[in-house]
Amino acid sequence: MESINLPPFAHKVKDMDGKPYIYDLIRKKYVVLTPEEWVRQHFIHLLINHYGYPKSLFAVETGLRYNKLAKRTDIMVLSTDGTPFLLIECKAPHIPVSEATFAQIGRYNFTLRPTYLAVTNGMSHYCFSVQDGQISYHNDFPRFAR
């Protein structure tokens, strides 16, 4: 996999049926190693190892409904009371973070209403919050507060 702008971590990769798989410590299984999955796994480890989030608060590729359509969130971190706290949309490194990326996570925001939202392609990362229709960008991701 290509080098990205996220800290490295001790990943487990294996070949199954001629395809690379990476171990996802949240889902507790090996998943197909796509460029987007490479970004997702790096971001999960960043949040755990550098921002202090416990694994128990993560939900990966969980379903939601938006305008009768079934969608999947890439990473959602819950607060200790079980409400959505941080929602992250991951893209492959070769896919630019664009207006369409922000629109996609914006649609998820209508349903989930997390405190923070983030988008990343492994190279560029953005964290923001929406309150009363106003978007506020943050210089860093929030740390886990016990």
Protein backbone atom coordinates (compact mmCIF):
# COMPACT_ATOMS: atom_id res chain seq x y z
CA MET A 1 0.00 0.00 0.00
CA GLU A 2 1.05 3.53 -0.60
CA SER A 3 2.50 5.87 1.97
CA ILE A 4 -0.03 8.27 3.53
CA ASN A 5 0.01 11.27 5.85
CA LEU A 6 -0.96 9.37 9.02
CA PRO A 7 1.27 7.74 11.64
CA PRO A 8 2.28 4.15 10.90
CA PHE A 9 1.03 1.34 13.12
CA ALA A 10 1.81 -2.35 13.58
CA HIS A 11 -0.65 -3.76 11.07
CA LYS A 12 -1.36 -7.41 10.29
CA VAL A 13 -1.79 -8.23 6.62
CA LYS A 14 -2.29 -11.65 5.07
CA ASP A 15 -3.08 -13.05 1.65
CA MET A 16 -6.38 -14.92 1.20
CA ASP A 17 -7.63 -16.14 -2.17
CA GLY A 18 -5.00 -14.06 -3.93
CA LYS A 19 -6.09 -10.81 -2.24
CA PRO A 20 -4.48 -8.87 0.62
CA TYR A 21 -6.48 -8.60 3.85
CA ILE A 22 -5.80 -6.41 6.87
CA TYR A 23 -6.85 -7.11 10.44
CA ASP A 24 -9.46 -4.68 11.78
CA LEU A 25 -9.23 -4.58 15.56
CA ILE A 26 -12.70 -3.00 15.84
CA ARG A 27 -14.55 -5.58 13.73
CA LYS A 28 -12.13 -8.28 15.02
CA LYS A 29 -11.61 -9.84 11.62
CA TYR A 30 -9.56 -9.57 8.46
CA VAL A 31 -11.09 -7.36 5.77
CA VAL A 32 -10.07 -6.80 2.15
CA LEU A 33 -7.22 -4.32 2.00
CA THR A 34 -8.39 -1.63 -0.42
CA PRO A 35 -6.83 1.85 -0.56
CA GLU A 36 -9.83 3.21 1.40
CA GLU A 37 -9.46 0.47 4.02
CA TRP A 38 -5.77 1.37 4.37
CA VAL A 39 -6.81 4.94 5.24
CA ARG A 40 -9.61 3.74 7.56
CA GLN A 41 -7.29 1.44 9.53
CA HIS A 42 -4.66 4.16 9.91
CA PHE A 43 -7.29 6.61 11.13
CA ILE A 44 -8.72 4.13 13.65
CA HIS A 45 -5.24 3.57 15.08
CA LEU A 46 -4.59 7.33 15.14
CA LEU A 47 -7.73 7.91 17.21
CA ILE A 48 -6.88 5.08 19.61
CA ASN A 49 -3.12 5.62 19.97
CA HIS A 50 -2.82 9.40 19.72
CA TYR A 51 -6.19 10.73 20.86
CA GLY A 52 -7.03 8.16 23.54
CA TYR A 53 -10.33 6.77 22.28
CA PRO A 54 -11.22 3.31 23.63
CA LYS A 55 -11.94 0.62 21.05
CA SER A 56 -15.31 -0.03 22.69
CA LEU A 57 -16.67 3.31 21.44
CA PHE A 58 -16.03 2.61 17.73
CA ALA A 59 -18.51 1.51 15.10
CA VAL A 60 -17.10 0.73 11.64
CA GLU A 61 -19.18 0.55 8.46
CA THR A 62 -22.48 0.68 10.29
CA GLY A 63 -25.68 1.25 8.41
CA LEU A 64 -27.95 4.26 8.45
CA ARG A 65 -30.93 5.42 6.47
CA TYR A 66 -31.04 8.73 4.65
CA ASN A 67 -34.10 9.60 2.51
CA LYS A 68 -35.07 5.92 2.38
CA LEU A 69 -31.60 5.00 1.10
CA ALA A 70 -29.32 2.58 2.96
CA LYS A 71 -25.87 4.10 3.59
CA ARG A 72 -22.80 3.05 5.55
CA THR A 73 -20.62 5.21 7.76
CA ASP A 74 -16.86 4.60 7.57
CA ILE A 75 -16.00 5.29 11.21
CA MET A 76 -18.22 6.49 14.00
CA VAL A 77 -16.98 7.10 17.52
CA LEU A 78 -19.66 7.24 20.18
CA SER A 79 -19.59 9.29 23.34
CA THR A 80 -19.72 7.45 26.65
CA ASP A 81 -23.50 7.96 26.71
CA GLY A 82 -23.83 6.15 23.35
CA THR A 83 -24.61 9.16 21.15
CA PRO A 84 -22.60 9.87 17.97
CA PHE A 85 -19.56 11.97 18.87
CA LEU A 86 -17.19 11.84 15.89
CA LEU A 87 -18.12 10.71 12.38
CA ILE A 88 -15.32 10.15 9.85
CA GLU A 89 -15.66 9.70 6.11
CA CYS A 90 -12.62 8.01 4.54
CA LYS A 91 -11.59 8.10 0.91
CA ALA A 92 -8.73 6.39 -0.91
CA PRO A 93 -5.55 8.50 -1.17
CA HIS A 94 -6.00 9.03 -4.92
CA ILE A 95 -9.53 10.47 -4.39
CA PRO A 96 -9.34 14.18 -3.55
CA VAL A 97 -11.28 15.48 -0.58
CA SER A 98 -13.79 17.59 -2.45
CA GLU A 99 -17.08 19.38 -2.11
CA ALA A 100 -18.76 16.04 -2.88
CA THR A 101 -16.97 14.45 0.11
CA PHE A 102 -18.21 17.21 2.41
CA ALA A 103 -21.72 16.89 0.94
CA GLN A 104 -21.68 13.14 1.63
CA ILE A 105 -20.77 13.52 5.29
CA GLY A 106 -23.21 16.43 5.51
CA ARG A 107 -26.03 14.09 4.51
CA TYR A 108 -24.98 11.66 7.25
CA ASN A 109 -24.95 14.57 9.69
CA PHE A 110 -28.67 15.16 9.08
CA THR A 111 -29.40 11.68 10.40
CA LEU A 112 -26.74 11.11 13.07
CA ARG A 113 -26.00 14.62 14.39
CA PRO A 114 -22.53 13.90 15.80
CA THR A 115 -20.66 16.54 17.77
CA TYR A 116 -17.74 16.45 15.29
CA LEU A 117 -17.31 15.38 11.68
CA ALA A 118 -14.13 14.60 9.78
CA VAL A 119 -13.09 13.72 6.26
CA THR A 120 -9.78 12.23 5.16
CA ASN A 121 -8.14 10.61 2.19
CA GLY A 122 -5.04 9.75 4.19
CA MET A 123 -3.23 12.76 2.79
CA SER A 124 -5.55 15.63 3.78
CA HIS A 125 -7.68 15.64 6.94
CA TYR A 126 -10.42 18.03 8.01
CA CYS A 127 -12.32 18.18 11.27
CA PHE A 128 -15.33 20.41 11.81
CA SER A 129 -18.53 20.80 13.73
CA VAL A 130 -21.94 22.11 12.76
CA GLN A 131 -24.07 24.05 15.21
CA ASP A 132 -27.17 26.03 14.32
CA GLY A 133 -26.28 25.69 10.64
CA GLN A 134 -22.82 27.20 11.15
CA ILE A 135 -19.71 25.20 10.23
CA SER A 136 -16.65 25.58 12.45
CA TYR A 137 -13.35 24.07 11.31
CA HIS A 138 -10.92 22.78 13.93
CA ASN A 139 -7.12 22.66 13.76
CA ASP A 140 -7.02 19.22 15.38
CA PHE A 141 -9.24 16.29 16.24
CA PRO A 142 -10.84 16.20 19.68
CA ARG A 143 -9.13 14.08 22.31
CA PHE A 144 -11.13 11.55 24.25
CA ALA A 145 -12.44 13.11 27.46
CA ARG A 146 -13.28 10.63 30.18
